[in-house]
Amino acid sequence: MPHYEFFCKGCQKTFSKILTIARHDKEKIACPQCGSKNVEQRWSAFSALTSKKSA
């Protein structure tokens, strides 16, 4: 599942959530600190695990 990062404009805290794409599109995200729904999604780093291949 995708990992999303958000910034709360109410309490100025950054938090992350793991959501399905469908849930991300339908749900109004609330800050876990203050409960405000005045949040904006932030860009987050992408990482992937790969196997090491020999030549």
N, C-alpha and C. Protein backbone atom coordinates (compact mmCIF):
# COMPACT_ATOMS: atom_id res chain seq x y z
N MET A 1 0.83 -1.19 0.00
CA MET A 1 0.00 0.00 0.00
C MET A 1 0.88 1.25 0.00
N PRO A 2 0.41 2.28 -0.68
CA PRO A 2 1.17 3.52 -0.72
C PRO A 2 1.24 4.22 0.63
N HIS A 3 2.34 4.90 0.84
CA HIS A 3 2.63 5.65 2.06
C HIS A 3 2.51 7.13 1.69
N TYR A 4 1.64 7.88 2.35
CA TYR A 4 1.41 9.29 2.04
C TYR A 4 1.85 10.15 3.22
N GLU A 5 2.43 11.31 2.92
CA GLU A 5 2.81 12.26 3.96
C GLU A 5 1.94 13.50 3.84
N PHE A 6 1.54 14.02 5.01
CA PHE A 6 0.66 15.18 5.06
C PHE A 6 1.22 16.21 6.03
N PHE A 7 0.80 17.47 5.82
CA PHE A 7 1.16 18.57 6.72
C PHE A 7 -0.14 19.21 7.19
N CYS A 8 -0.30 19.33 8.51
CA CYS A 8 -1.49 19.94 9.09
C CYS A 8 -1.27 21.45 9.20
N LYS A 9 -2.17 22.21 8.59
CA LYS A 9 -2.08 23.66 8.66
C LYS A 9 -2.60 24.19 10.00
N GLY A 10 -3.34 23.35 10.73
CA GLY A 10 -3.88 23.75 12.03
C GLY A 10 -2.82 23.75 13.13
N CYS A 11 -2.08 22.63 13.27
CA CYS A 11 -1.10 22.53 14.36
C CYS A 11 0.35 22.50 13.85
N GLN A 12 0.53 22.63 12.53
CA GLN A 12 1.86 22.71 11.93
C GLN A 12 2.67 21.43 12.09
N LYS A 13 2.01 20.27 12.19
CA LYS A 13 2.69 18.99 12.34
C LYS A 13 2.66 18.22 11.03
N THR A 14 3.69 17.41 10.81
CA THR A 14 3.75 16.51 9.66
C THR A 14 3.42 15.11 10.16
N PHE A 15 2.64 14.38 9.37
CA PHE A 15 2.31 13.01 9.72
C PHE A 15 2.19 12.18 8.46
N SER A 16 2.23 10.87 8.62
CA SER A 16 2.13 9.99 7.46
C SER A 16 1.03 8.97 7.69
N LYS A 17 0.48 8.48 6.59
CA LYS A 17 -0.57 7.47 6.61
C LYS A 17 -0.30 6.47 5.50
N ILE A 18 -0.64 5.23 5.76
CA ILE A 18 -0.59 4.20 4.74
C ILE A 18 -2.04 3.94 4.33
N LEU A 19 -2.35 4.24 3.07
CA LEU A 19 -3.72 4.14 2.57
C LEU A 19 -3.76 3.42 1.23
N THR A 20 -4.87 2.75 0.96
CA THR A 20 -5.08 2.23 -0.38
C THR A 20 -5.35 3.43 -1.29
N ILE A 21 -5.16 3.26 -2.56
CA ILE A 21 -5.40 4.36 -3.50
C ILE A 21 -6.88 4.76 -3.46
N ALA A 22 -7.78 3.78 -3.39
CA ALA A 22 -9.21 4.07 -3.33
C ALA A 22 -9.56 4.88 -2.08
N ARG A 23 -9.00 4.50 -0.94
CA ARG A 23 -9.27 5.22 0.31
C ARG A 23 -8.70 6.63 0.27
N HIS A 24 -7.52 6.78 -0.33
CA HIS A 24 -6.89 8.10 -0.47
C HIS A 24 -7.78 9.03 -1.28
N ASP A 25 -8.38 8.51 -2.35
CA ASP A 25 -9.21 9.32 -3.23
C ASP A 25 -10.55 9.70 -2.60
N LYS A 26 -11.11 8.84 -1.74
CA LYS A 26 -12.44 9.07 -1.18
C LYS A 26 -12.43 9.77 0.18
N GLU A 27 -11.42 9.50 0.98
CA GLU A 27 -11.41 9.92 2.38
C GLU A 27 -10.85 11.32 2.57
N LYS A 28 -11.48 12.10 3.43
CA LYS A 28 -10.95 13.39 3.84
C LYS A 28 -10.05 13.12 5.04
N ILE A 29 -8.75 13.33 4.87
CA ILE A 29 -7.75 12.98 5.89
C ILE A 29 -7.78 13.99 7.03
N ALA A 30 -7.76 13.48 8.26
CA ALA A 30 -7.73 14.33 9.45
C ALA A 30 -6.39 14.16 10.16
N CYS A 31 -5.91 15.23 10.77
CA CYS A 31 -4.66 15.21 11.53
C CYS A 31 -4.83 14.36 12.79
N PRO A 32 -3.93 13.43 13.04
CA PRO A 32 -4.04 12.61 14.25
C PRO A 32 -3.72 13.40 15.54
N GLN A 33 -3.04 14.54 15.42
CA GLN A 33 -2.69 15.35 16.59
C GLN A 33 -3.86 16.22 17.07
N CYS A 34 -4.45 16.98 16.13
CA CYS A 34 -5.47 17.95 16.53
C CYS A 34 -6.85 17.67 15.93
N GLY A 35 -6.94 16.74 14.96
CA GLY A 35 -8.22 16.40 14.36
C GLY A 35 -8.63 17.30 13.21
N SER A 36 -7.83 18.30 12.89
CA SER A 36 -8.15 19.21 11.80
C SER A 36 -8.13 18.48 10.45
N LYS A 37 -9.04 18.89 9.57
CA LYS A 37 -9.05 18.34 8.21
C LYS A 37 -8.42 19.33 7.24
N ASN A 38 -7.80 20.37 7.77
CA ASN A 38 -7.10 21.36 6.96
C ASN A 38 -5.66 20.88 6.77
N VAL A 39 -5.49 19.84 5.94
CA VAL A 39 -4.19 19.24 5.71
C VAL A 39 -3.86 19.28 4.22
N GLU A 40 -2.57 19.27 3.93
CA GLU A 40 -2.14 19.19 2.53
C GLU A 40 -1.17 18.03 2.39
N GLN A 41 -1.28 17.37 1.24
CA GLN A 41 -0.37 16.25 0.98
C GLN A 41 0.99 16.79 0.58
N ARG A 42 2.03 16.17 1.10
CA ARG A 42 3.41 16.54 0.79
C ARG A 42 4.03 15.47 -0.08
N TRP A 43 5.04 15.85 -0.82
CA TRP A 43 5.80 14.89 -1.60
C TRP A 43 6.64 14.06 -0.65
N SER A 44 6.72 12.78 -0.91
CA SER A 44 7.54 11.92 -0.07
C SER A 44 8.51 11.13 -0.93
N ALA A 45 9.54 10.64 -0.31
CA ALA A 45 10.55 9.87 -1.04
C ALA A 45 9.99 8.52 -1.46
N PHE A 46 10.48 8.01 -2.54
CA PHE A 46 10.08 6.70 -3.03
C PHE A 46 11.26 5.76 -2.86
N SER A 47 10.97 4.57 -2.38
CA SER A 47 12.05 3.59 -2.26
C SER A 47 11.54 2.24 -2.73
N ALA A 48 12.46 1.43 -3.22
CA ALA A 48 12.11 0.09 -3.68
C ALA A 48 13.22 -0.86 -3.32
N LEU A 49 12.86 -2.07 -2.97
CA LEU A 49 13.85 -3.09 -2.69
C LEU A 49 14.12 -3.87 -3.97
N THR A 50 15.37 -4.05 -4.27
CA THR A 50 15.74 -4.83 -5.45
C THR A 50 16.75 -5.89 -5.06
N SER A 51 16.84 -6.90 -5.88
CA SER A 51 17.83 -7.92 -5.59
C SER A 51 19.13 -7.58 -6.30
N LYS A 52 20.22 -7.98 -5.72
CA LYS A 52 21.52 -7.73 -6.31
C LYS A 52 21.79 -8.82 -7.34
N LYS A 53 22.05 -8.42 -8.57
CA LYS A 53 22.29 -9.38 -9.65
C LYS A 53 23.77 -9.42 -10.00
N SER A 54 24.29 -10.59 -10.22
CA SER A 54 25.70 -10.70 -10.61
C SER A 54 25.82 -10.69 -12.13
N ALA A 55 26.94 -10.20 -12.63
CA ALA A 55 27.14 -10.09 -14.08
C ALA A 55 27.66 -11.36 -14.68
